[in-house]
C-alpha atoms as a PDB file:
ATOM      1  CA  UNK A   1     -27.667 -10.455 -89.407  1.00  0.00           C
ATOM      2  CA  UNK A   2     -24.407  -8.838 -90.531  1.00  0.00           C
ATOM      3  CA  UNK A   3     -21.073  -9.794 -89.053  1.00  0.00           C
ATOM      4  CA  UNK A   4     -17.828  -7.849 -88.607  1.00  0.00           C
ATOM      5  CA  UNK A   5     -14.217  -8.994 -88.894  1.00  0.00           C
ATOM      6  CA  UNK A   6     -12.028  -5.921 -88.312  1.00  0.00           C
ATOM      7  CA  UNK A   7      -8.751  -5.553 -86.460  1.00  0.00           C
ATOM      8  CA  UNK A   8      -7.031  -2.303 -85.474  1.00  0.00           C
ATOM      9  CA  UNK A   9      -3.582  -2.490 -83.888  1.00  0.00           C
ATOM     10  CA  UNK A  10      -0.974   0.055 -82.834  1.00  0.00           C
ATOM     11  CA  UNK A  11       2.249  -1.734 -82.026  1.00  0.00           C
ATOM     12  CA  UNK A  12       5.914  -2.290 -82.756  1.00  0.00           C
ATOM     13  CA  UNK A  13       7.278  -4.525 -85.488  1.00  0.00           C
ATOM     14  CA  UNK A  14       9.271  -7.286 -83.764  1.00  0.00           C
ATOM     15  CA  UNK A  15      11.509  -8.280 -86.705  1.00  0.00           C
ATOM     16  CA  UNK A  16      12.200  -7.258 -90.282  1.00  0.00           C
ATOM     17  CA  UNK A  17       9.475  -8.563 -92.615  1.00  0.00           C
ATOM     18  CA  UNK A  18       9.903 -11.813 -94.509  1.00  0.00           C
ATOM     19  CA  UNK A  19       9.077 -11.327 -98.190  1.00  0.00           C
ATOM     20  CA  UNK A  20       7.961 -14.274-100.321  1.00  0.00           C
ATOM     21  CA  UNK A  21       6.454 -14.774-103.752  1.00  0.00           C
ATOM     22  CA  UNK A  22       3.619 -17.212-104.469  1.00  0.00           C
ATOM     23  CA  UNK A  23       3.623 -19.677-107.349  1.00  0.00           C
ATOM     24  CA  UNK A  24       1.450 -17.164-109.257  1.00  0.00           C
ATOM     25  CA  UNK A  25       4.047 -14.398-108.802  1.00  0.00           C
ATOM     26  CA  UNK A  26       2.076 -12.479-106.127  1.00  0.00           C
ATOM     27  CA  UNK A  27       4.277 -10.929-103.422  1.00  0.00           C
ATOM     28  CA  UNK A  28       3.515 -11.568 -99.736  1.00  0.00           C
ATOM     29  CA  UNK A  29       4.995  -9.848 -96.664  1.00  0.00           C
ATOM     30  CA  UNK A  30       4.985 -11.634 -93.301  1.00  0.00           C
ATOM     31  CA  UNK A  31       5.751  -9.739 -90.095  1.00  0.00           C
ATOM     32  CA  UNK A  32       4.934  -9.760 -86.390  1.00  0.00           C
ATOM     33  CA  UNK A  33       3.650  -6.841 -84.362  1.00  0.00           C
ATOM     34  CA  UNK A  34       3.725  -6.581 -80.557  1.00  0.00           C
ATOM     35  CA  UNK A  35       1.140  -4.728 -78.488  1.00  0.00           C
ATOM     36  CA  UNK A  36       1.043  -4.206 -74.723  1.00  0.00           C
ATOM     37  CA  UNK A  37      -1.795  -4.179 -72.249  1.00  0.00           C
ATOM     38  CA  UNK A  38      -1.247  -2.220 -69.054  1.00  0.00           C
ATOM     39  CA  UNK A  39      -3.271  -2.930 -65.927  1.00  0.00           C
ATOM     40  CA  UNK A  40      -3.183  -2.834 -62.128  1.00  0.00           C
ATOM     41  CA  UNK A  41      -3.549  -5.868 -59.915  1.00  0.00           C
ATOM     42  CA  UNK A  42      -5.953  -5.949 -56.990  1.00  0.00           C
ATOM     43  CA  UNK A  43      -2.942  -4.941 -54.833  1.00  0.00           C
ATOM     44  CA  UNK A  44      -2.443  -1.801 -56.957  1.00  0.00           C
ATOM     45  CA  UNK A  45       0.731  -3.108 -58.616  1.00  0.00           C
ATOM     46  CA  UNK A  46       1.203  -1.924 -62.217  1.00  0.00           C
ATOM     47  CA  UNK A  47       1.703  -4.738 -64.716  1.00  0.00           C
ATOM     48  CA  UNK A  48       2.083  -5.058 -68.463  1.00  0.00           C
ATOM     49  CA  UNK A  49       1.394  -7.967 -70.754  1.00  0.00           C
ATOM     50  CA  UNK A  50       2.706  -8.323 -74.325  1.00  0.00           C
ATOM     51  CA  UNK A  51       0.724  -9.893 -77.149  1.00  0.00           C
ATOM     52  CA  UNK A  52       2.271 -10.839 -80.490  1.00  0.00           C
ATOM     53  CA  UNK A  53       0.274 -10.729 -83.742  1.00  0.00           C
ATOM     54  CA  UNK A  54       1.266 -12.497 -86.967  1.00  0.00           C
ATOM     55  CA  UNK A  55       0.496 -10.182 -89.879  1.00  0.00           C
ATOM     56  CA  UNK A  56       0.409 -10.729 -93.631  1.00  0.00           C
ATOM     57  CA  UNK A  57       0.114  -8.288 -96.540  1.00  0.00           C
ATOM     58  CA  UNK A  58      -0.310  -9.030-100.241  1.00  0.00           C
ATOM     59  CA  UNK A  59       0.573  -7.477-103.616  1.00  0.00           C
ATOM     60  CA  UNK A  60       1.398  -3.777-103.813  1.00  0.00           C
ATOM     61  CA  UNK A  61       1.181  -3.400-100.010  1.00  0.00           C
ATOM     62  CA  UNK A  62       3.796  -6.161 -99.628  1.00  0.00           C
ATOM     63  CA  UNK A  63       6.024  -4.216-102.062  1.00  0.00           C
ATOM     64  CA  UNK A  64       5.726  -1.077 -99.928  1.00  0.00           C
ATOM     65  CA  UNK A  65       6.368  -3.035 -96.726  1.00  0.00           C
ATOM     66  CA  UNK A  66       9.472  -4.596 -98.271  1.00  0.00           C
ATOM     67  CA  UNK A  67      10.793  -1.122 -99.116  1.00  0.00           C
ATOM     68  CA  UNK A  68       9.946   0.660 -95.848  1.00  0.00           C
ATOM     69  CA  UNK A  69       9.072  -1.537 -92.868  1.00  0.00           C
ATOM     70  CA  UNK A  70      11.777  -2.399 -90.336  1.00  0.00           C
ATOM     71  CA  UNK A  71      12.094  -3.951 -86.906  1.00  0.00           C
ATOM     72  CA  UNK A  72      11.048  -1.666 -83.997  1.00  0.00           C
ATOM     73  CA  UNK A  73       8.913   0.676 -86.128  1.00  0.00           C
ATOM     74  CA  UNK A  74       5.714   1.787 -84.443  1.00  0.00           C
ATOM     75  CA  UNK A  75       2.827   1.195 -86.845  1.00  0.00           C
ATOM     76  CA  UNK A  76      -0.934   1.466 -87.114  1.00  0.00           C
ATOM     77  CA  UNK A  77      -2.587  -1.502 -88.832  1.00  0.00           C
ATOM     78  CA  UNK A  78      -6.125  -2.079 -90.031  1.00  0.00           C
ATOM     79  CA  UNK A  79      -7.107  -5.465 -91.328  1.00  0.00           C
ATOM     80  CA  UNK A  80      -9.093  -8.623 -90.706  1.00  0.00           C
ATOM     81  CA  UNK A  81      -8.455 -11.969 -89.037  1.00  0.00           C
ATOM     82  CA  UNK A  82      -7.839 -15.046 -91.177  1.00  0.00           C
ATOM     83  CA  UNK A  83      -7.158 -18.536 -89.833  1.00  0.00           C
ATOM     84  CA  UNK A  84      -5.262 -20.965 -92.035  1.00  0.00           C
ATOM     85  CA  UNK A  85      -5.151 -24.714 -91.487  1.00  0.00           C
ATOM     86  CA  UNK A  86      -1.701 -26.204 -92.026  1.00  0.00           C
ATOM     87  CA  UNK A  87      -1.518 -29.976 -92.293  1.00  0.00           C
ATOM     88  CA  UNK A  88       1.696 -31.409 -90.849  1.00  0.00           C
ATOM     89  CA  UNK A  89       3.240 -34.789 -91.623  1.00  0.00           C
ATOM     90  CA  UNK A  90       1.139 -37.502 -90.032  1.00  0.00           C
ATOM     91  CA  UNK A  91      -2.129 -35.609 -90.594  1.00  0.00           C
ATOM     92  CA  UNK A  92      -1.777 -33.275 -87.585  1.00  0.00           C
ATOM     93  CA  UNK A  93      -3.533 -29.949 -88.185  1.00  0.00           C
ATOM     94  CA  UNK A  94      -2.073 -26.648 -87.051  1.00  0.00           C
ATOM     95  CA  UNK A  95      -4.288 -23.565 -86.968  1.00  0.00           C
ATOM     96  CA  UNK A  96      -2.579 -20.223 -87.554  1.00  0.00           C
ATOM     97  CA  UNK A  97      -4.488 -16.969 -87.131  1.00  0.00           C
ATOM     98  CA  UNK A  98      -3.077 -13.913 -88.894  1.00  0.00           C
ATOM     99  CA  UNK A  99      -4.034 -10.289 -89.374  1.00  0.00           C
ATOM    100  CA  UNK A 100      -4.507  -9.729 -93.115  1.00  0.00           C
ATOM    101  CA  UNK A 101      -3.238  -6.154 -93.347  1.00  0.00           C
ATOM    102  CA  UNK A 102      -5.255  -3.781 -95.525  1.00  0.00           C
ATOM    103  CA  UNK A 103      -3.975  -0.406 -94.245  1.00  0.00           C
ATOM    104  CA  UNK A 104      -0.671   0.469 -92.583  1.00  0.00           C
ATOM    105  CA  UNK A 105       0.630   3.822 -91.315  1.00  0.00           C
ATOM    106  CA  UNK A 106       4.050   4.545 -89.787  1.00  0.00           C
ATOM    107  CA  UNK A 107       3.855   6.372 -86.450  1.00  0.00           C
ATOM    108  CA  UNK A 108       7.456   6.724 -85.196  1.00  0.00           C
ATOM    109  CA  UNK A 109       8.596  10.163 -86.277  1.00  0.00           C
ATOM    110  CA  UNK A 110       7.687  12.764 -88.853  1.00  0.00           C
ATOM    111  CA  UNK A 111       9.825  11.184 -91.595  1.00  0.00           C
ATOM    112  CA  UNK A 112       8.013   7.877 -90.980  1.00  0.00           C
ATOM    113  CA  UNK A 113       4.508   9.294 -91.506  1.00  0.00           C
ATOM    114  CA  UNK A 114       4.161   7.524 -94.821  1.00  0.00           C
ATOM    115  CA  UNK A 115       0.605   6.357 -95.322  1.00  0.00           C
ATOM    116  CA  UNK A 116       0.561   3.153 -97.312  1.00  0.00           C
ATOM    117  CA  UNK A 117      -3.167   2.628 -96.953  1.00  0.00           C
ATOM    118  CA  UNK A 118      -5.340   1.244 -99.678  1.00  0.00           C
ATOM    119  CA  UNK A 119      -7.500   3.691-101.576  1.00  0.00           C
ATOM    120  CA  UNK A 120     -10.667   3.195-103.565  1.00  0.00           C
ATOM    121  CA  UNK A 121      -8.928   4.124-106.809  1.00  0.00           C
ATOM    122  CA  UNK A 122      -6.489   1.218-106.520  1.00  0.00           C
ATOM    123  CA  UNK A 123      -7.334  -2.294-107.608  1.00  0.00           C
ATOM    124  CA  UNK A 124      -8.073  -4.512-104.594  1.00  0.00           C
ATOM    125  CA  UNK A 125      -5.550  -7.249-103.920  1.00  0.00           C
ATOM    126  CA  UNK A 126      -7.086 -10.708-104.189  1.00  0.00           C
ATOM    127  CA  UNK A 127      -6.351 -12.873-101.145  1.00  0.00           C
ATOM    128  CA  UNK A 128      -4.975 -16.174-102.423  1.00  0.00           C
ATOM    129  CA  UNK A 129      -3.766 -17.416 -99.035  1.00  0.00           C
ATOM    130  CA  UNK A 130      -5.739 -20.648 -99.345  1.00  0.00           C
ATOM    131  CA  UNK A 131      -3.697 -21.495-102.480  1.00  0.00           C
ATOM    132  CA  UNK A 132      -0.336 -20.546-100.985  1.00  0.00           C
ATOM    133  CA  UNK A 133       2.004 -23.484-100.473  1.00  0.00           C
ATOM    134  CA  UNK A 134       4.264 -22.269 -97.642  1.00  0.00           C
ATOM    135  CA  UNK A 135       5.579 -24.604 -94.984  1.00  0.00           C
ATOM    136  CA  UNK A 136       4.808 -23.397 -91.446  1.00  0.00           C
ATOM    137  CA  UNK A 137       8.536 -23.412 -90.646  1.00  0.00           C
ATOM    138  CA  UNK A 138       8.947 -20.738 -93.334  1.00  0.00           C
ATOM    139  CA  UNK A 139       6.594 -18.304 -91.591  1.00  0.00           C
ATOM    140  CA  UNK A 140       7.891 -17.569 -88.067  1.00  0.00           C
END
């Protein structure tokens, strides 16, 4: 049986991206996106609930994010979920789930409609996140 790991988000960037470079020279962009869920309680009261998503992008997409992405931008993201295990001092394990961003589109205003999605003609970016040596305090 086939499985699916696909994430689609439309949300606001909560802070300017953090740009890092791996030991192999590959660029990585780390950013957080917020989405809201709106609902009514059984009493008919309108409520909203925010959810924050840690996102990561690699290679050429990280370059484009570094050049264009800013806090408060409304963006469309397509990607997949990836959970990393970070071992802390003392052997404690911390699990961090991130959205590995594969496509990103600005949605704010006409001048922001820059599509920085991957295309078939471009070389896929190899995910080397399991080899990345970044301390959890460096992420968010």
